[in-house]
Amino acid sequence: MNPARHIALNALRSNTLASVDRQTFASLADENVDVPMQAFGLDSLGRLELCIFLSQALNREVTEAEIAELSTFASLVALISRDLSTPPLGRSERLPGQS
C-alpha cells in the first residue's frame, strides 16, 4: 500500500471522533476508492485531532485550514504524499535567514 494512503488510514482510524463504518475503512485500502471527507463526520475537534496526528507523522505543523480545504480522502493522501516526497531541510540546506 502507498505509504501516504497508509498514514491517512491510520490517522482516521485512530481518530476517536471519526464516524465511519469498517466496510468503508476497508474499501479505502483500494487505491481506486475515494470518499468525501464529510463521510468521516469530523467536527472541529475531530479535525484538530487529525491535525495533531498528521503533524506528528509528518514532523511538521499541519493546520486546521489545510484539513478544512480537503474535499476527499484522495486529497488527504495527496497532502501527505507531497510531504513525504519533500525532503526536510538539513543544516547545510537551510534557507537564507534561517538558523
PDB file of N, CA and C in Angstrom:
ATOM      1  N   MET A   1       0.840  -1.182   0.000  1.00  0.00           N
ATOM      2  CA  MET A   1       0.000   0.000   0.000  1.00  0.00           C
ATOM      3  C   MET A   1       0.884   1.244   0.000  1.00  0.00           C
ATOM      4  N   ASN A   2       0.429   2.234  -0.697  1.00  0.00           N
ATOM      5  CA  ASN A   2       1.088   3.529  -0.760  1.00  0.00           C
ATOM      6  C   ASN A   2       1.297   4.059   0.665  1.00  0.00           C
ATOM      7  N   PRO A   3       2.527   4.490   1.032  1.00  0.00           N
ATOM      8  CA  PRO A   3       2.789   4.963   2.396  1.00  0.00           C
ATOM      9  C   PRO A   3       1.878   6.128   2.818  1.00  0.00           C
ATOM     10  N   ALA A   4       1.597   7.038   1.901  1.00  0.00           N
ATOM     11  CA  ALA A   4       0.732   8.179   2.234  1.00  0.00           C
ATOM     12  C   ALA A   4      -0.685   7.705   2.533  1.00  0.00           C
ATOM     13  N   ARG A   5      -1.166   6.745   1.768  1.00  0.00           N
ATOM     14  CA  ARG A   5      -2.507   6.200   1.997  1.00  0.00           C
ATOM     15  C   ARG A   5      -2.548   5.484   3.351  1.00  0.00           C
ATOM     16  N   HIS A   6      -1.470   4.773   3.665  1.00  0.00           N
ATOM     17  CA  HIS A   6      -1.374   4.072   4.941  1.00  0.00           C
ATOM     18  C   HIS A   6      -1.441   5.062   6.117  1.00  0.00           C
ATOM     19  N   ILE A   7      -0.703   6.172   6.019  1.00  0.00           N
ATOM     20  CA  ILE A   7      -0.722   7.194   7.066  1.00  0.00           C
ATOM     21  C   ILE A   7      -2.119   7.802   7.176  1.00  0.00           C
ATOM     22  N   ALA A   8      -2.748   8.095   6.036  1.00  0.00           N
ATOM     23  CA  ALA A   8      -4.091   8.683   6.053  1.00  0.00           C
ATOM     24  C   ALA A   8      -5.095   7.747   6.723  1.00  0.00           C
ATOM     25  N   LEU A   9      -5.023   6.468   6.395  1.00  0.00           N
ATOM     26  CA  LEU A   9      -5.926   5.499   7.021  1.00  0.00           C
ATOM     27  C   LEU A   9      -5.689   5.411   8.522  1.00  0.00           C
ATOM     28  N   ASN A  10      -4.430   5.369   8.926  1.00  0.00           N
ATOM     29  CA  ASN A  10      -4.116   5.317  10.360  1.00  0.00           C
ATOM     30  C   ASN A  10      -4.580   6.581  11.077  1.00  0.00           C
ATOM     31  N   ALA A  11      -4.433   7.720  10.419  1.00  0.00           N
ATOM     32  CA  ALA A  11      -4.859   8.986  11.023  1.00  0.00           C
ATOM     33  C   ALA A  11      -6.356   8.968  11.297  1.00  0.00           C
ATOM     34  N   LEU A  12      -7.118   8.476  10.358  1.00  0.00           N
ATOM     35  CA  LEU A  12      -8.568   8.447  10.539  1.00  0.00           C
ATOM     36  C   LEU A  12      -9.002   7.309  11.453  1.00  0.00           C
ATOM     37  N   ARG A  13      -8.326   6.187  11.359  1.00  0.00           N
ATOM     38  CA  ARG A  13      -8.664   5.037  12.206  1.00  0.00           C
ATOM     39  C   ARG A  13      -8.406   5.364  13.681  1.00  0.00           C
ATOM     40  N   SER A  14      -7.355   6.102  13.966  1.00  0.00           N
ATOM     41  CA  SER A  14      -7.011   6.422  15.344  1.00  0.00           C
ATOM     42  C   SER A  14      -7.818   7.603  15.892  1.00  0.00           C
ATOM     43  N   ASN A  15      -8.513   8.306  15.016  1.00  0.00           N
ATOM     44  CA  ASN A  15      -9.289   9.474  15.427  1.00  0.00           C
ATOM     45  C   ASN A  15     -10.596   9.007  16.065  1.00  0.00           C
ATOM     46  N   THR A  16     -10.710   9.191  17.368  1.00  0.00           N
ATOM     47  CA  THR A  16     -11.876   8.705  18.092  1.00  0.00           C
ATOM     48  C   THR A  16     -13.156   9.421  17.689  1.00  0.00           C
ATOM     49  N   LEU A  17     -13.038  10.547  17.014  1.00  0.00           N
ATOM     50  CA  LEU A  17     -14.221  11.305  16.622  1.00  0.00           C
ATOM     51  C   LEU A  17     -14.669  11.023  15.186  1.00  0.00           C
ATOM     52  N   ALA A  18     -13.894  10.224  14.458  1.00  0.00           N
ATOM     53  CA  ALA A  18     -14.301   9.855  13.094  1.00  0.00           C
ATOM     54  C   ALA A  18     -15.391   8.794  13.181  1.00  0.00           C
ATOM     55  N   SER A  19     -16.408   8.959  12.385  1.00  0.00           N
ATOM     56  CA  SER A  19     -17.528   8.009  12.444  1.00  0.00           C
ATOM     57  C   SER A  19     -17.738   7.353  11.080  1.00  0.00           C
ATOM     58  N   VAL A  20     -16.912   6.368  10.802  1.00  0.00           N
ATOM     59  CA  VAL A  20     -17.011   5.643   9.537  1.00  0.00           C
ATOM     60  C   VAL A  20     -17.047   4.152   9.835  1.00  0.00           C
ATOM     61  N   ASP A  21     -17.888   3.454   9.116  1.00  0.00           N
ATOM     62  CA  ASP A  21     -18.018   2.022   9.356  1.00  0.00           C
ATOM     63  C   ASP A  21     -16.796   1.262   8.840  1.00  0.00           C
ATOM     64  N   ARG A  22     -16.631   0.051   9.338  1.00  0.00           N
ATOM     65  CA  ARG A  22     -15.472  -0.781   8.984  1.00  0.00           C
ATOM     66  C   ARG A  22     -15.393  -1.060   7.487  1.00  0.00           C
ATOM     67  N   GLN A  23     -16.524  -1.245   6.855  1.00  0.00           N
ATOM     68  CA  GLN A  23     -16.540  -1.553   5.420  1.00  0.00           C
ATOM     69  C   GLN A  23     -15.950  -0.392   4.612  1.00  0.00           C
ATOM     70  N   THR A  24     -16.303   0.826   4.987  1.00  0.00           N
ATOM     71  CA  THR A  24     -15.753   1.989   4.285  1.00  0.00           C
ATOM     72  C   THR A  24     -14.250   2.073   4.494  1.00  0.00           C
ATOM     73  N   PHE A  25     -13.793   1.896   5.746  1.00  0.00           N
ATOM     74  CA  PHE A  25     -12.348   1.898   6.001  1.00  0.00           C
ATOM     75  C   PHE A  25     -11.653   0.816   5.187  1.00  0.00           C
ATOM     76  N   ALA A  26     -12.208  -0.368   5.147  1.00  0.00           N
ATOM     77  CA  ALA A  26     -11.610  -1.472   4.392  1.00  0.00           C
ATOM     78  C   ALA A  26     -11.537  -1.133   2.912  1.00  0.00           C
ATOM     79  N   SER A  27     -12.578  -0.501   2.393  1.00  0.00           N
ATOM     80  CA  SER A  27     -12.592  -0.173   0.960  1.00  0.00           C
ATOM     81  C   SER A  27     -11.548   0.880   0.613  1.00  0.00           C
ATOM     82  N   LEU A  28     -11.178   1.739   1.577  1.00  0.00           N
ATOM     83  CA  LEU A  28     -10.202   2.796   1.305  1.00  0.00           C
ATOM     84  C   LEU A  28      -8.784   2.270   1.114  1.00  0.00           C
ATOM     85  N   ALA A  29      -8.540   1.028   1.447  1.00  0.00           N
ATOM     86  CA  ALA A  29      -7.233   0.429   1.180  1.00  0.00           C
ATOM     87  C   ALA A  29      -7.018   0.285  -0.322  1.00  0.00           C
ATOM     88  N   ASP A  30      -8.116   0.216  -1.076  1.00  0.00           N
ATOM     89  CA  ASP A  30      -8.055   0.136  -2.542  1.00  0.00           C
ATOM     90  C   ASP A  30      -7.769   1.525  -3.095  1.00  0.00           C
ATOM     91  N   GLU A  31      -6.694   1.656  -3.854  1.00  0.00           N
ATOM     92  CA  GLU A  31      -6.263   2.954  -4.385  1.00  0.00           C
ATOM     93  C   GLU A  31      -7.295   3.591  -5.314  1.00  0.00           C
ATOM     94  N   ASN A  32      -8.241   2.815  -5.830  1.00  0.00           N
ATOM     95  CA  ASN A  32      -9.240   3.346  -6.763  1.00  0.00           C
ATOM     96  C   ASN A  32     -10.497   3.833  -6.059  1.00  0.00           C
ATOM     97  N   VAL A  33     -10.558   3.697  -4.745  1.00  0.00           N
ATOM     98  CA  VAL A  33     -11.737   4.094  -3.987  1.00  0.00           C
ATOM     99  C   VAL A  33     -11.477   5.447  -3.332  1.00  0.00           C
ATOM    100  N   ASP A  34     -12.480   6.308  -3.388  1.00  0.00           N
ATOM    101  CA  ASP A  34     -12.377   7.616  -2.752  1.00  0.00           C
ATOM    102  C   ASP A  34     -13.728   7.959  -2.138  1.00  0.00           C
ATOM    103  N   VAL A  35     -13.719   8.732  -1.089  1.00  0.00           N
ATOM    104  CA  VAL A  35     -14.951   9.207  -0.453  1.00  0.00           C
ATOM    105  C   VAL A  35     -14.756  10.665  -0.054  1.00  0.00           C
ATOM    106  N   PRO A  36     -15.846  11.409   0.041  1.00  0.00           N
ATOM    107  CA  PRO A  36     -15.729  12.793   0.512  1.00  0.00           C
ATOM    108  C   PRO A  36     -15.286  12.825   1.970  1.00  0.00           C
ATOM    109  N   MET A  37     -14.554  13.855   2.345  1.00  0.00           N
ATOM    110  CA  MET A  37     -14.103  13.986   3.731  1.00  0.00           C
ATOM    111  C   MET A  37     -15.288  14.085   4.688  1.00  0.00           C
ATOM    112  N   GLN A  38     -16.435  14.606   4.231  1.00  0.00           N
ATOM    113  CA  GLN A  38     -17.610  14.702   5.092  1.00  0.00           C
ATOM    114  C   GLN A  38     -18.060  13.336   5.569  1.00  0.00           C
ATOM    115  N   ALA A  39     -17.727  12.284   4.830  1.00  0.00           N
ATOM    116  CA  ALA A  39     -18.141  10.924   5.205  1.00  0.00           C
ATOM    117  C   ALA A  39     -17.546  10.496   6.541  1.00  0.00           C
ATOM    118  N   PHE A  40     -16.480  11.161   6.976  1.00  0.00           N
ATOM    119  CA  PHE A  40     -15.828  10.796   8.227  1.00  0.00           C
ATOM    120  C   PHE A  40     -16.446  11.485   9.431  1.00  0.00           C
ATOM    121  N   GLY A  41     -17.362  12.413   9.184  1.00  0.00           N
ATOM    122  CA  GLY A  41     -18.099  13.053  10.269  1.00  0.00           C
ATOM    123  C   GLY A  41     -17.242  13.827  11.254  1.00  0.00           C
ATOM    124  N   LEU A  42     -16.172  14.424  10.775  1.00  0.00           N
ATOM    125  CA  LEU A  42     -15.275  15.159  11.674  1.00  0.00           C
ATOM    126  C   LEU A  42     -15.778  16.576  11.926  1.00  0.00           C
ATOM    127  N   ASP A  43     -15.996  16.894  13.184  1.00  0.00           N
ATOM    128  CA  ASP A  43     -16.309  18.269  13.555  1.00  0.00           C
ATOM    129  C   ASP A  43     -14.987  18.996  13.782  1.00  0.00           C
ATOM    130  N   SER A  44     -15.038  20.197  14.336  1.00  0.00           N
ATOM    131  CA  SER A  44     -13.796  20.968  14.518  1.00  0.00           C
ATOM    132  C   SER A  44     -12.809  20.256  15.448  1.00  0.00           C
ATOM    133  N   LEU A  45     -13.319  19.596  16.480  1.00  0.00           N
ATOM    134  CA  LEU A  45     -12.430  18.854  17.386  1.00  0.00           C
ATOM    135  C   LEU A  45     -11.818  17.640  16.676  1.00  0.00           C
ATOM    136  N   GLY A  46     -12.591  16.971  15.845  1.00  0.00           N
ATOM    137  CA  GLY A  46     -12.082  15.840  15.072  1.00  0.00           C
ATOM    138  C   GLY A  46     -11.018  16.264  14.079  1.00  0.00           C
ATOM    139  N   ARG A  47     -11.228  17.427  13.446  1.00  0.00           N
ATOM    140  CA  ARG A  47     -10.207  17.949  12.520  1.00  0.00           C
ATOM    141  C   ARG A  47      -8.935  18.309  13.278  1.00  0.00           C
ATOM    142  N   LEU A  48      -9.103  18.834  14.496  1.00  0.00           N
ATOM    143  CA  LEU A  48      -7.933  19.165  15.314  1.00  0.00           C
ATOM    144  C   LEU A  48      -7.154  17.900  15.669  1.00  0.00           C
ATOM    145  N   GLU A  49      -7.848  16.831  16.035  1.00  0.00           N
ATOM    146  CA  GLU A  49      -7.173  15.549  16.305  1.00  0.00           C
ATOM    147  C   GLU A  49      -6.423  15.061  15.070  1.00  0.00           C
ATOM    148  N   LEU A  50      -7.040  15.223  13.905  1.00  0.00           N
ATOM    149  CA  LEU A  50      -6.390  14.815  12.654  1.00  0.00           C
ATOM    150  C   LEU A  50      -5.125  15.647  12.427  1.00  0.00           C
ATOM    151  N   CYS A  51      -5.202  16.951  12.698  1.00  0.00           N
ATOM    152  CA  CYS A  51      -4.019  17.822  12.572  1.00  0.00           C
ATOM    153  C   CYS A  51      -2.886  17.352  13.471  1.00  0.00           C
ATOM    154  N   ILE A  52      -3.218  17.022  14.699  1.00  0.00           N
ATOM    155  CA  ILE A  52      -2.197  16.584  15.662  1.00  0.00           C
ATOM    156  C   ILE A  52      -1.544  15.289  15.196  1.00  0.00           C
ATOM    157  N   PHE A  53      -2.354  14.309  14.770  1.00  0.00           N
ATOM    158  CA  PHE A  53      -1.810  13.038  14.299  1.00  0.00           C
ATOM    159  C   PHE A  53      -0.884  13.271  13.107  1.00  0.00           C
ATOM    160  N   LEU A  54      -1.362  14.051  12.120  1.00  0.00           N
ATOM    161  CA  LEU A  54      -0.564  14.285  10.915  1.00  0.00           C
ATOM    162  C   LEU A  54       0.686  15.107  11.215  1.00  0.00           C
ATOM    163  N   SER A  55       0.582  16.060  12.128  1.00  0.00           N
ATOM    164  CA  SER A  55       1.757  16.857  12.496  1.00  0.00           C
ATOM    165  C   SER A  55       2.859  15.966  13.062  1.00  0.00           C
ATOM    166  N   GLN A  56       2.461  15.011  13.878  1.00  0.00           N
ATOM    167  CA  GLN A  56       3.443  14.078  14.441  1.00  0.00           C
ATOM    168  C   GLN A  56       3.978  13.137  13.372  1.00  0.00           C
ATOM    169  N   ALA A  57       3.112  12.633  12.519  1.00  0.00           N
ATOM    170  CA  ALA A  57       3.533  11.677  11.485  1.00  0.00           C
ATOM    171  C   ALA A  57       4.430  12.329  10.441  1.00  0.00           C
ATOM    172  N   LEU A  58       4.168  13.598  10.119  1.00  0.00           N
ATOM    173  CA  LEU A  58       4.913  14.282   9.062  1.00  0.00           C
ATOM    174  C   LEU A  58       6.026  15.177   9.592  1.00  0.00           C
ATOM    175  N   ASN A  59       6.106  15.269  10.922  1.00  0.00           N
ATOM    176  CA  ASN A  59       7.146  16.071  11.559  1.00  0.00           C
ATOM    177  C   ASN A  59       7.108  17.537  11.119  1.00  0.00           C
ATOM    178  N   ARG A  60       5.884  18.057  11.005  1.00  0.00           N
ATOM    179  CA  ARG A  60       5.672  19.484  10.719  1.00  0.00           C
ATOM    180  C   ARG A  60       4.265  19.833  11.173  1.00  0.00           C
ATOM    181  N   GLU A  61       4.004  21.112  11.340  1.00  0.00           N
ATOM    182  CA  GLU A  61       2.670  21.516  11.757  1.00  0.00           C
ATOM    183  C   GLU A  61       1.694  21.405  10.585  1.00  0.00           C
ATOM    184  N   VAL A  62       0.640  20.671  10.783  1.00  0.00           N
ATOM    185  CA  VAL A  62      -0.454  20.603   9.824  1.00  0.00           C
ATOM    186  C   VAL A  62      -1.589  21.418  10.433  1.00  0.00           C
ATOM    187  N   THR A  63      -2.073  22.417   9.700  1.00  0.00           N
ATOM    188  CA  THR A  63      -3.066  23.333  10.254  1.00  0.00           C
ATOM    189  C   THR A  63      -4.495  22.880   9.967  1.00  0.00           C
ATOM    190  N   GLU A  64      -5.416  23.413  10.760  1.00  0.00           N
ATOM    191  CA  GLU A  64      -6.830  23.129  10.531  1.00  0.00           C
ATOM    192  C   GLU A  64      -7.272  23.661   9.172  1.00  0.00           C
ATOM    193  N   ALA A  65      -6.673  24.762   8.745  1.00  0.00           N
ATOM    194  CA  ALA A  65      -7.015  25.331   7.429  1.00  0.00           C
ATOM    195  C   ALA A  65      -6.666  24.341   6.314  1.00  0.00           C
ATOM    196  N   GLU A  66      -5.519  23.675   6.442  1.00  0.00           N
ATOM    197  CA  GLU A  66      -5.140  22.674   5.439  1.00  0.00           C
ATOM    198  C   GLU A  66      -6.163  21.540   5.393  1.00  0.00           C
ATOM    199  N   ILE A  67      -6.587  21.095   6.574  1.00  0.00           N
ATOM    200  CA  ILE A  67      -7.550  19.991   6.655  1.00  0.00           C
ATOM    201  C   ILE A  67      -8.906  20.435   6.125  1.00  0.00           C
ATOM    202  N   ALA A  68      -9.319  21.654   6.459  1.00  0.00           N
ATOM    203  CA  ALA A  68     -10.619  22.165   6.018  1.00  0.00           C
ATOM    204  C   ALA A  68     -10.712  22.270   4.500  1.00  0.00           C
ATOM    205  N   GLU A  69      -9.579  22.479   3.840  1.00  0.00           N
ATOM    206  CA  GLU A  69      -9.559  22.603   2.379  1.00  0.00           C
ATOM    207  C   GLU A  69      -9.708  21.258   1.663  1.00  0.00           C
ATOM    208  N   LEU A  70      -9.502  20.166   2.374  1.00  0.00           N
ATOM    209  CA  LEU A  70      -9.551  18.845   1.748  1.00  0.00           C
ATOM    210  C   LEU A  70     -10.998  18.441   1.469  1.00  0.00           C
ATOM    211  N   SER A  71     -11.263  18.029   0.243  1.00  0.00           N
ATOM    212  CA  SER A  71     -12.639  17.652  -0.100  1.00  0.00           C
ATOM    213  C   SER A  71     -12.851  16.135  -0.106  1.00  0.00           C
ATOM    214  N   THR A  72     -11.785  15.379  -0.340  1.00  0.00           N
ATOM    215  CA  THR A  72     -11.919  13.924  -0.428  1.00  0.00           C
ATOM    216  C   THR A  72     -10.760  13.230   0.287  1.00  0.00           C
ATOM    217  N   PHE A  73     -10.928  11.941   0.501  1.00  0.00           N
ATOM    218  CA  PHE A  73      -9.854  11.137   1.089  1.00  0.00           C
ATOM    219  C   PHE A  73      -8.619  11.197   0.190  1.00  0.00           C
ATOM    220  N   ALA A  74      -8.819  11.170  -1.130  1.00  0.00           N
ATOM    221  CA  ALA A  74      -7.689  11.240  -2.068  1.00  0.00           C
ATOM    222  C   ALA A  74      -6.911  12.542  -1.888  1.00  0.00           C
ATOM    223  N   SER A  75      -7.590  13.638  -1.585  1.00  0.00           N
ATOM    224  CA  SER A  75      -6.886  14.905  -1.372  1.00  0.00           C
ATOM    225  C   SER A  75      -6.067  14.864  -0.077  1.00  0.00           C
ATOM    226  N   LEU A  76      -6.539  14.118   0.925  1.00  0.00           N
ATOM    227  CA  LEU A  76      -5.760  13.909   2.149  1.00  0.00           C
ATOM    228  C   LEU A  76      -4.500  13.111   1.832  1.00  0.00           C
ATOM    229  N   VAL A  77      -4.648  12.057   1.037  1.00  0.00           N
ATOM    230  CA  VAL A  77      -3.494  11.243   0.631  1.00  0.00           C
ATOM    231  C   VAL A  77      -2.501  12.090  -0.158  1.00  0.00           C
ATOM    232  N   ALA A  78      -3.009  12.962  -1.035  1.00  0.00           N
ATOM    233  CA  ALA A  78      -2.128  13.820  -1.836  1.00  0.00           C
ATOM    234  C   ALA A  78      -1.350  14.789  -0.949  1.00  0.00           C
ATOM    235  N   LEU A  79      -2.004  15.351   0.056  1.00  0.00           N
ATOM    236  CA  LEU A  79      -1.331  16.246   1.000  1.00  0.00           C
ATOM    237  C   LEU A  79      -0.176  15.519   1.682  1.00  0.00           C
ATOM    238  N   ILE A  80      -0.438  14.318   2.136  1.00  0.00           N
ATOM    239  CA  ILE A  80       0.594  13.530   2.816  1.00  0.00           C
ATOM    240  C   ILE A  80       1.701  13.140   1.841  1.00  0.00           C
ATOM    241  N   SER A  81       1.337  12.757   0.629  1.00  0.00           N
ATOM    242  CA  SER A  81       2.333  12.377  -0.393  1.00  0.00           C
ATOM    243  C   SER A  81       3.301  13.509  -0.672  1.00  0.00           C
ATOM    244  N   ARG A  82       2.768  14.726  -0.772  1.00  0.00           N
ATOM    245  CA  ARG A  82       3.650  15.883  -1.029  1.00  0.00           C
ATOM    246  C   ARG A  82       4.673  16.027   0.088  1.00  0.00           C
ATOM    247  N   ASP A  83       4.230  15.851   1.324  1.00  0.00           N
ATOM    248  CA  ASP A  83       5.158  15.966   2.447  1.00  0.00           C
ATOM    249  C   ASP A  83       6.190  14.851   2.442  1.00  0.00           C
ATOM    250  N   LEU A  84       5.763  13.639   2.120  1.00  0.00           N
ATOM    251  CA  LEU A  84       6.696  12.508   2.114  1.00  0.00           C
ATOM    252  C   LEU A  84       7.718  12.625   0.992  1.00  0.00           C
ATOM    253  N   SER A  85       7.356  13.298  -0.095  1.00  0.00           N
ATOM    254  CA  SER A  85       8.277  13.403  -1.232  1.00  0.00           C
ATOM    255  C   SER A  85       9.185  14.628  -1.137  1.00  0.00           C
ATOM    256  N   THR A  86       8.942  15.492  -0.154  1.00  0.00           N
ATOM    257  CA  THR A  86       9.766  16.679   0.045  1.00  0.00           C
ATOM    258  C   THR A  86      10.730  16.424   1.180  1.00  0.00           C
ATOM    259  N   PRO A  87      12.034  16.336   0.875  1.00  0.00           N
ATOM    260  CA  PRO A  87      12.994  16.069   1.948  1.00  0.00           C
ATOM    261  C   PRO A  87      13.064  17.251   2.908  1.00  0.00           C
ATOM    262  N   PRO A  88      13.204  16.979   4.204  1.00  0.00           N
ATOM    263  CA  PRO A  88      13.345  18.067   5.175  1.00  0.00           C
ATOM    264  C   PRO A  88      14.658  18.798   4.952  1.00  0.00           C
ATOM    265  N   LEU A  89      14.673  20.065   5.313  1.00  0.00           N
ATOM    266  CA  LEU A  89      15.900  20.839   5.168  1.00  0.00           C
ATOM    267  C   LEU A  89      16.899  20.430   6.239  1.00  0.00           C
ATOM    268  N   GLY A  90      18.100  20.079   5.802  1.00  0.00           N
ATOM    269  CA  GLY A  90      19.173  19.764   6.737  1.00  0.00           C
ATOM    270  C   GLY A  90      19.888  21.034   7.133  1.00  0.00           C
ATOM    271  N   ARG A  91      20.825  20.927   8.051  1.00  0.00           N
ATOM    272  CA  ARG A  91      21.546  22.122   8.492  1.00  0.00           C
ATOM    273  C   ARG A  91      22.203  22.856   7.324  1.00  0.00           C
ATOM    274  N   SER A  92      22.840  22.125   6.435  1.00  0.00           N
ATOM    275  CA  SER A  92      23.555  22.778   5.327  1.00  0.00           C
ATOM    276  C   SER A  92      22.596  23.222   4.228  1.00  0.00           C
ATOM    277  N   GLU A  93      21.337  22.798   4.293  1.00  0.00           N
ATOM    278  CA  GLU A  93      20.374  23.150   3.242  1.00  0.00           C
ATOM    279  C   GLU A  93      19.371  24.194   3.677  1.00  0.00           C
ATOM    280  N   ARG A  94      19.561  24.800   4.837  1.00  0.00           N
ATOM    281  CA  ARG A  94      18.612  25.779   5.334  1.00  0.00           C
ATOM    282  C   ARG A  94      18.553  26.986   4.411  1.00  0.00           C
ATOM    283  N   LEU A  95      17.399  27.570   4.357  1.00  0.00           N
ATOM    284  CA  LEU A  95      17.220  28.762   3.544  1.00  0.00           C
ATOM    285  C   LEU A  95      17.925  29.944   4.188  1.00  0.00           C
ATOM    286  N   PRO A  96      18.313  30.941   3.383  1.00  0.00           N
ATOM    287  CA  PRO A  96      18.971  32.122   3.959  1.00  0.00           C
ATOM    288  C   PRO A  96      18.086  32.756   5.015  1.00  0.00           C
ATOM    289  N   GLY A  97      18.690  33.163   6.131  1.00  0.00           N
ATOM    290  CA  GLY A  97      17.960  33.794   7.214  1.00  0.00           C
ATOM    291  C   GLY A  97      17.431  32.827   8.246  1.00  0.00           C
ATOM    292  N   GLN A  98      17.537  31.510   7.992  1.00  0.00           N
ATOM    293  CA  GLN A  98      17.101  30.509   8.957  1.00  0.00           C
ATOM    294  C   GLN A  98      18.288  30.068   9.787  1.00  0.00           C
ATOM    295  N   SER A  99      18.041  29.807  11.053  1.00  0.00           N
ATOM    296  CA  SER A  99      19.140  29.329  11.907  1.00  0.00           C
ATOM    297  C   SER A  99      18.951  27.904  12.293  1.00  0.00           C
TER     298      SER A  99
END
